[in-house]
Amino acid sequence: MKTVKISLNSIDKVKSFVNVISQFDSDFDLISGRYVIDAKSIMGIFSLDLSQPIDLTIHAEEDTAIVEALKPYIV
C-alpha cells in the first residue's frame, strides 16, 4: 500500500485520470478530509473539493508501474 498526493484541478484531468487508473485491477481510494471514495468513480471524484491536492492510496503489492502511469497527476 502506498499513498501519494495528486492534483485533479480540471475536468479533463479527472477524465484522463479515471481512464488511466481503470486499466489496473488494484483498488484505489481518494481521501479528502474525512471523505474516502473509490478513485475509479468519476462521480465520486466530482463530489470532492478538487481545488486542493488529494491523497491517493494505492492498494497493490507492486505499485511501480501504477506510480509511473500516474506521474502527470502526482504533486
PDB file of N, CA and C in Angstrom:
ATOM      1  N   MET A   1       0.848  -1.185   0.000  1.00  0.00           N
ATOM      2  CA  MET A   1       0.000   0.000   0.000  1.00  0.00           C
ATOM      3  C   MET A   1       0.886   1.238   0.000  1.00  0.00           C
ATOM      4  N   LYS A   2       0.510   2.201  -0.821  1.00  0.00           N
ATOM      5  CA  LYS A   2       1.293   3.430  -0.950  1.00  0.00           C
ATOM      6  C   LYS A   2       0.324   4.598  -1.072  1.00  0.00           C
ATOM      7  N   THR A   3       0.690   5.745  -0.518  1.00  0.00           N
ATOM      8  CA  THR A   3      -0.138   6.946  -0.618  1.00  0.00           C
ATOM      9  C   THR A   3       0.668   8.055  -1.274  1.00  0.00           C
ATOM     10  N   VAL A   4       0.052   8.701  -2.272  1.00  0.00           N
ATOM     11  CA  VAL A   4       0.677   9.833  -2.958  1.00  0.00           C
ATOM     12  C   VAL A   4      -0.338  10.970  -3.035  1.00  0.00           C
ATOM     13  N   LYS A   5       0.169  12.195  -3.155  1.00  0.00           N
ATOM     14  CA  LYS A   5      -0.700  13.364  -3.343  1.00  0.00           C
ATOM     15  C   LYS A   5      -0.868  13.597  -4.830  1.00  0.00           C
ATOM     16  N   ILE A   6      -2.125  13.789  -5.266  1.00  0.00           N
ATOM     17  CA  ILE A   6      -2.384  14.063  -6.673  1.00  0.00           C
ATOM     18  C   ILE A   6      -3.207  15.337  -6.806  1.00  0.00           C
ATOM     19  N   SER A   7      -3.129  15.928  -7.984  1.00  0.00           N
ATOM     20  CA  SER A   7      -3.901  17.129  -8.289  1.00  0.00           C
ATOM     21  C   SER A   7      -4.814  16.838  -9.474  1.00  0.00           C
ATOM     22  N   LEU A   8      -6.107  17.052  -9.276  1.00  0.00           N
ATOM     23  CA  LEU A   8      -7.113  16.866 -10.328  1.00  0.00           C
ATOM     24  C   LEU A   8      -7.907  18.166 -10.439  1.00  0.00           C
ATOM     25  N   ASN A   9      -7.264  19.217 -10.932  1.00  0.00           N
ATOM     26  CA  ASN A   9      -7.861  20.546 -10.896  1.00  0.00           C
ATOM     27  C   ASN A   9      -8.616  20.938 -12.158  1.00  0.00           C
ATOM     28  N   SER A  10      -8.917  19.968 -13.044  1.00  0.00           N
ATOM     29  CA  SER A  10      -9.734  20.281 -14.221  1.00  0.00           C
ATOM     30  C   SER A  10     -10.552  19.049 -14.605  1.00  0.00           C
ATOM     31  N   ILE A  11     -11.618  19.273 -15.344  1.00  0.00           N
ATOM     32  CA  ILE A  11     -12.485  18.178 -15.764  1.00  0.00           C
ATOM     33  C   ILE A  11     -11.717  17.205 -16.651  1.00  0.00           C
ATOM     34  N   ASP A  12     -10.895  17.729 -17.553  1.00  0.00           N
ATOM     35  CA  ASP A  12     -10.115  16.861 -18.441  1.00  0.00           C
ATOM     36  C   ASP A  12      -9.129  15.990 -17.663  1.00  0.00           C
ATOM     37  N   LYS A  13      -8.516  16.550 -16.620  1.00  0.00           N
ATOM     38  CA  LYS A  13      -7.595  15.771 -15.795  1.00  0.00           C
ATOM     39  C   LYS A  13      -8.321  14.647 -15.074  1.00  0.00           C
ATOM     40  N   VAL A  14      -9.524  14.926 -14.583  1.00  0.00           N
ATOM     41  CA  VAL A  14     -10.307  13.902 -13.884  1.00  0.00           C
ATOM     42  C   VAL A  14     -10.644  12.771 -14.852  1.00  0.00           C
ATOM     43  N   LYS A  15     -11.114  13.114 -16.056  1.00  0.00           N
ATOM     44  CA  LYS A  15     -11.482  12.082 -17.036  1.00  0.00           C
ATOM     45  C   LYS A  15     -10.280  11.233 -17.433  1.00  0.00           C
ATOM     46  N   SER A  16      -9.142  11.863 -17.694  1.00  0.00           N
ATOM     47  CA  SER A  16      -7.968  11.089 -18.096  1.00  0.00           C
ATOM     48  C   SER A  16      -7.428  10.266 -16.924  1.00  0.00           C
ATOM     49  N   PHE A  17      -7.511  10.803 -15.700  1.00  0.00           N
ATOM     50  CA  PHE A  17      -7.086  10.059 -14.505  1.00  0.00           C
ATOM     51  C   PHE A  17      -7.900   8.784 -14.346  1.00  0.00           C
ATOM     52  N   VAL A  18      -9.225   8.886 -14.477  1.00  0.00           N
ATOM     53  CA  VAL A  18     -10.090   7.712 -14.331  1.00  0.00           C
ATOM     54  C   VAL A  18      -9.789   6.696 -15.434  1.00  0.00           C
ATOM     55  N   ASN A  19      -9.529   7.159 -16.653  1.00  0.00           N
ATOM     56  CA  ASN A  19      -9.179   6.242 -17.743  1.00  0.00           C
ATOM     57  C   ASN A  19      -7.877   5.501 -17.444  1.00  0.00           C
ATOM     58  N   VAL A  20      -6.878   6.201 -16.927  1.00  0.00           N
ATOM     59  CA  VAL A  20      -5.588   5.578 -16.615  1.00  0.00           C
ATOM     60  C   VAL A  20      -5.737   4.584 -15.474  1.00  0.00           C
ATOM     61  N   ILE A  21      -6.392   4.998 -14.414  1.00  0.00           N
ATOM     62  CA  ILE A  21      -6.475   4.165 -13.213  1.00  0.00           C
ATOM     63  C   ILE A  21      -7.369   2.941 -13.425  1.00  0.00           C
ATOM     64  N   SER A  22      -8.321   3.034 -14.348  1.00  0.00           N
ATOM     65  CA  SER A  22      -9.220   1.909 -14.620  1.00  0.00           C
ATOM     66  C   SER A  22      -8.508   0.769 -15.341  1.00  0.00           C
ATOM     67  N   GLN A  23      -7.331   1.028 -15.876  1.00  0.00           N
ATOM     68  CA  GLN A  23      -6.564  -0.021 -16.555  1.00  0.00           C
ATOM     69  C   GLN A  23      -5.944  -1.017 -15.568  1.00  0.00           C
ATOM     70  N   PHE A  24      -5.899  -0.661 -14.289  1.00  0.00           N
ATOM     71  CA  PHE A  24      -5.278  -1.512 -13.276  1.00  0.00           C
ATOM     72  C   PHE A  24      -6.356  -2.237 -12.470  1.00  0.00           C
ATOM     73  N   ASP A  25      -6.049  -3.487 -12.052  1.00  0.00           N
ATOM     74  CA  ASP A  25      -7.008  -4.293 -11.295  1.00  0.00           C
ATOM     75  C   ASP A  25      -7.009  -3.977  -9.809  1.00  0.00           C
ATOM     76  N   SER A  26      -6.050  -3.220  -9.344  1.00  0.00           N
ATOM     77  CA  SER A  26      -5.936  -2.914  -7.917  1.00  0.00           C
ATOM     78  C   SER A  26      -7.040  -1.966  -7.463  1.00  0.00           C
ATOM     79  N   ASP A  27      -7.164  -1.855  -6.131  1.00  0.00           N
ATOM     80  CA  ASP A  27      -8.110  -0.907  -5.547  1.00  0.00           C
ATOM     81  C   ASP A  27      -7.391   0.399  -5.251  1.00  0.00           C
ATOM     82  N   PHE A  28      -8.128   1.509  -5.439  1.00  0.00           N
ATOM     83  CA  PHE A  28      -7.583   2.842  -5.213  1.00  0.00           C
ATOM     84  C   PHE A  28      -8.602   3.658  -4.430  1.00  0.00           C
ATOM     85  N   ASP A  29      -8.141   4.392  -3.429  1.00  0.00           N
ATOM     86  CA  ASP A  29      -9.014   5.267  -2.649  1.00  0.00           C
ATOM     87  C   ASP A  29      -8.504   6.700  -2.748  1.00  0.00           C
ATOM     88  N   LEU A  30      -9.432   7.632  -2.896  1.00  0.00           N
ATOM     89  CA  LEU A  30      -9.100   9.052  -2.809  1.00  0.00           C
ATOM     90  C   LEU A  30      -9.593   9.545  -1.463  1.00  0.00           C
ATOM     91  N   ILE A  31      -8.729  10.258  -0.743  1.00  0.00           N
ATOM     92  CA  ILE A  31      -9.055  10.728   0.597  1.00  0.00           C
ATOM     93  C   ILE A  31      -8.940  12.244   0.625  1.00  0.00           C
ATOM     94  N   SER A  32     -10.052  12.888   0.940  1.00  0.00           N
ATOM     95  CA  SER A  32     -10.092  14.339   1.051  1.00  0.00           C
ATOM     96  C   SER A  32     -10.806  14.670   2.361  1.00  0.00           C
ATOM     97  N   GLY A  33     -10.022  15.092   3.344  1.00  0.00           N
ATOM     98  CA  GLY A  33     -10.607  15.352   4.664  1.00  0.00           C
ATOM     99  C   GLY A  33     -11.110  14.054   5.273  1.00  0.00           C
ATOM    100  N   ARG A  34     -12.403  14.016   5.587  1.00  0.00           N
ATOM    101  CA  ARG A  34     -12.966  12.793   6.169  1.00  0.00           C
ATOM    102  C   ARG A  34     -13.670  11.922   5.142  1.00  0.00           C
ATOM    103  N   TYR A  35     -13.597  12.299   3.879  1.00  0.00           N
ATOM    104  CA  TYR A  35     -14.248  11.538   2.814  1.00  0.00           C
ATOM    105  C   TYR A  35     -13.262  10.587   2.144  1.00  0.00           C
ATOM    106  N   VAL A  36     -13.686   9.355   1.961  1.00  0.00           N
ATOM    107  CA  VAL A  36     -12.903   8.343   1.256  1.00  0.00           C
ATOM    108  C   VAL A  36     -13.791   7.791   0.148  1.00  0.00           C
ATOM    109  N   ILE A  37     -13.332   7.906  -1.095  1.00  0.00           N
ATOM    110  CA  ILE A  37     -14.138   7.421  -2.213  1.00  0.00           C
ATOM    111  C   ILE A  37     -13.284   6.527  -3.116  1.00  0.00           C
ATOM    112  N   ASP A  38     -13.956   5.714  -3.918  1.00  0.00           N
ATOM    113  CA  ASP A  38     -13.289   4.853  -4.892  1.00  0.00           C
ATOM    114  C   ASP A  38     -12.727   5.737  -5.999  1.00  0.00           C
ATOM    115  N   ALA A  39     -11.433   5.641  -6.262  1.00  0.00           N
ATOM    116  CA  ALA A  39     -10.782   6.512  -7.246  1.00  0.00           C
ATOM    117  C   ALA A  39     -11.216   6.203  -8.677  1.00  0.00           C
ATOM    118  N   LYS A  40     -11.871   5.069  -8.895  1.00  0.00           N
ATOM    119  CA  LYS A  40     -12.340   4.716 -10.236  1.00  0.00           C
ATOM    120  C   LYS A  40     -13.734   5.277 -10.507  1.00  0.00           C
ATOM    121  N   SER A  41     -14.316   5.952  -9.526  1.00  0.00           N
ATOM    122  CA  SER A  41     -15.662   6.513  -9.648  1.00  0.00           C
ATOM    123  C   SER A  41     -15.582   7.989 -10.034  1.00  0.00           C
ATOM    124  N   ILE A  42     -15.910   8.285 -11.276  1.00  0.00           N
ATOM    125  CA  ILE A  42     -15.827   9.677 -11.746  1.00  0.00           C
ATOM    126  C   ILE A  42     -16.825  10.559 -10.996  1.00  0.00           C
ATOM    127  N   MET A  43     -17.996  10.027 -10.686  1.00  0.00           N
ATOM    128  CA  MET A  43     -18.991  10.808  -9.932  1.00  0.00           C
ATOM    129  C   MET A  43     -18.497  11.069  -8.511  1.00  0.00           C
ATOM    130  N   GLY A  44     -17.852  10.078  -7.917  1.00  0.00           N
ATOM    131  CA  GLY A  44     -17.307  10.256  -6.576  1.00  0.00           C
ATOM    132  C   GLY A  44     -16.230  11.322  -6.543  1.00  0.00           C
ATOM    133  N   ILE A  45     -15.377  11.335  -7.561  1.00  0.00           N
ATOM    134  CA  ILE A  45     -14.300  12.334  -7.620  1.00  0.00           C
ATOM    135  C   ILE A  45     -14.879  13.740  -7.693  1.00  0.00           C
ATOM    136  N   PHE A  46     -15.944  13.916  -8.485  1.00  0.00           N
ATOM    137  CA  PHE A  46     -16.535  15.250  -8.608  1.00  0.00           C
ATOM    138  C   PHE A  46     -17.250  15.696  -7.335  1.00  0.00           C
ATOM    139  N   SER A  47     -17.457  14.778  -6.377  1.00  0.00           N
ATOM    140  CA  SER A  47     -18.073  15.170  -5.108  1.00  0.00           C
ATOM    141  C   SER A  47     -17.035  15.731  -4.128  1.00  0.00           C
ATOM    142  N   LEU A  48     -15.747  15.627  -4.481  1.00  0.00           N
ATOM    143  CA  LEU A  48     -14.676  16.112  -3.606  1.00  0.00           C
ATOM    144  C   LEU A  48     -14.296  17.547  -3.938  1.00  0.00           C
ATOM    145  N   ASP A  49     -13.590  18.181  -3.010  1.00  0.00           N
ATOM    146  CA  ASP A  49     -13.026  19.516  -3.240  1.00  0.00           C
ATOM    147  C   ASP A  49     -11.758  19.344  -4.065  1.00  0.00           C
ATOM    148  N   LEU A  50     -11.828  19.673  -5.352  1.00  0.00           N
ATOM    149  CA  LEU A  50     -10.702  19.446  -6.253  1.00  0.00           C
ATOM    150  C   LEU A  50      -9.755  20.634  -6.341  1.00  0.00           C
ATOM    151  N   SER A  51      -9.988  21.678  -5.541  1.00  0.00           N
ATOM    152  CA  SER A  51      -9.111  22.840  -5.576  1.00  0.00           C
ATOM    153  C   SER A  51      -7.795  22.579  -4.837  1.00  0.00           C
ATOM    154  N   GLN A  52      -7.774  21.550  -4.005  1.00  0.00           N
ATOM    155  CA  GLN A  52      -6.578  21.195  -3.233  1.00  0.00           C
ATOM    156  C   GLN A  52      -6.090  19.814  -3.662  1.00  0.00           C
ATOM    157  N   PRO A  53      -4.797  19.521  -3.481  1.00  0.00           N
ATOM    158  CA  PRO A  53      -4.313  18.155  -3.757  1.00  0.00           C
ATOM    159  C   PRO A  53      -5.028  17.131  -2.871  1.00  0.00           C
ATOM    160  N   ILE A  54      -5.202  15.940  -3.398  1.00  0.00           N
ATOM    161  CA  ILE A  54      -5.941  14.864  -2.727  1.00  0.00           C
ATOM    162  C   ILE A  54      -4.990  13.695  -2.514  1.00  0.00           C
ATOM    163  N   ASP A  55      -5.169  12.960  -1.413  1.00  0.00           N
ATOM    164  CA  ASP A  55      -4.368  11.757  -1.159  1.00  0.00           C
ATOM    165  C   ASP A  55      -4.952  10.590  -1.940  1.00  0.00           C
ATOM    166  N   LEU A  56      -4.102   9.892  -2.682  1.00  0.00           N
ATOM    167  CA  LEU A  56      -4.489   8.678  -3.392  1.00  0.00           C
ATOM    168  C   LEU A  56      -3.779   7.510  -2.721  1.00  0.00           C
ATOM    169  N   THR A  57      -4.559   6.549  -2.219  1.00  0.00           N
ATOM    170  CA  THR A  57      -3.995   5.354  -1.625  1.00  0.00           C
ATOM    171  C   THR A  57      -4.100   4.223  -2.627  1.00  0.00           C
ATOM    172  N   ILE A  58      -2.965   3.608  -2.922  1.00  0.00           N
ATOM    173  CA  ILE A  58      -2.885   2.511  -3.885  1.00  0.00           C
ATOM    174  C   ILE A  58      -2.782   1.211  -3.090  1.00  0.00           C
ATOM    175  N   HIS A  59      -3.754   0.326  -3.264  1.00  0.00           N
ATOM    176  CA  HIS A  59      -3.759  -0.964  -2.571  1.00  0.00           C
ATOM    177  C   HIS A  59      -3.249  -2.023  -3.549  1.00  0.00           C
ATOM    178  N   ALA A  60      -1.935  -2.103  -3.704  1.00  0.00           N
ATOM    179  CA  ALA A  60      -1.338  -3.061  -4.638  1.00  0.00           C
ATOM    180  C   ALA A  60      -0.008  -3.543  -4.091  1.00  0.00           C
ATOM    181  N   GLU A  61       0.321  -4.788  -4.394  1.00  0.00           N
ATOM    182  CA  GLU A  61       1.617  -5.342  -3.992  1.00  0.00           C
ATOM    183  C   GLU A  61       2.743  -4.652  -4.759  1.00  0.00           C
ATOM    184  N   GLU A  62       2.596  -4.586  -6.069  1.00  0.00           N
ATOM    185  CA  GLU A  62       3.605  -3.976  -6.934  1.00  0.00           C
ATOM    186  C   GLU A  62       3.037  -2.681  -7.501  1.00  0.00           C
ATOM    187  N   ASP A  63       3.507  -1.526  -7.006  1.00  0.00           N
ATOM    188  CA  ASP A  63       2.917  -0.247  -7.404  1.00  0.00           C
ATOM    189  C   ASP A  63       3.821   0.585  -8.305  1.00  0.00           C
ATOM    190  N   THR A  64       4.954   0.068  -8.740  1.00  0.00           N
ATOM    191  CA  THR A  64       5.889   0.844  -9.549  1.00  0.00           C
ATOM    192  C   THR A  64       5.266   1.287 -10.869  1.00  0.00           C
ATOM    193  N   ALA A  65       4.628   0.356 -11.594  1.00  0.00           N
ATOM    194  CA  ALA A  65       4.012   0.685 -12.885  1.00  0.00           C
ATOM    195  C   ALA A  65       2.849   1.654 -12.697  1.00  0.00           C
ATOM    196  N   ILE A  66       2.125   1.508 -11.603  1.00  0.00           N
ATOM    197  CA  ILE A  66       0.985   2.388 -11.326  1.00  0.00           C
ATOM    198  C   ILE A  66       1.470   3.809 -11.075  1.00  0.00           C
ATOM    199  N   VAL A  67       2.469   3.951 -10.235  1.00  0.00           N
ATOM    200  CA  VAL A  67       3.019   5.280  -9.928  1.00  0.00           C
ATOM    201  C   VAL A  67       3.574   5.930 -11.199  1.00  0.00           C
ATOM    202  N   GLU A  68       4.220   5.140 -12.040  1.00  0.00           N
ATOM    203  CA  GLU A  68       4.764   5.658 -13.300  1.00  0.00           C
ATOM    204  C   GLU A  68       3.644   6.177 -14.188  1.00  0.00           C
ATOM    205  N   ALA A  69       2.538   5.441 -14.286  1.00  0.00           N
ATOM    206  CA  ALA A  69       1.411   5.843 -15.120  1.00  0.00           C
ATOM    207  C   ALA A  69       0.718   7.092 -14.571  1.00  0.00           C
ATOM    208  N   LEU A  70       0.826   7.303 -13.264  1.00  0.00           N
ATOM    209  CA  LEU A  70       0.141   8.429 -12.616  1.00  0.00           C
ATOM    210  C   LEU A  70       1.034   9.662 -12.452  1.00  0.00           C
ATOM    211  N   LYS A  71       2.238   9.631 -12.981  1.00  0.00           N
ATOM    212  CA  LYS A  71       3.176  10.773 -12.814  1.00  0.00           C
ATOM    213  C   LYS A  71       2.579  12.126 -13.205  1.00  0.00           C
ATOM    214  N   PRO A  72       1.784  12.226 -14.294  1.00  0.00           N
ATOM    215  CA  PRO A  72       1.249  13.556 -14.648  1.00  0.00           C
ATOM    216  C   PRO A  72       0.322  14.155 -13.579  1.00  0.00           C
ATOM    217  N   TYR A  73      -0.183  13.336 -12.676  1.00  0.00           N
ATOM    218  CA  TYR A  73      -1.138  13.813 -11.671  1.00  0.00           C
ATOM    219  C   TYR A  73      -0.500  13.994 -10.292  1.00  0.00           C
ATOM    220  N   ILE A  74       0.653  13.399 -10.056  1.00  0.00           N
ATOM    221  CA  ILE A  74       1.282  13.442  -8.743  1.00  0.00           C
ATOM    222  C   ILE A  74       1.896  14.819  -8.502  1.00  0.00           C
ATOM    223  N   VAL A  75       1.624  15.347  -7.311  1.00  0.00           N
ATOM    224  CA  VAL A  75       2.133  16.672  -6.939  1.00  0.00           C
ATOM    225  C   VAL A  75       3.509  16.532  -6.318  1.00  0.00           C
TER     226      VAL A  75
END
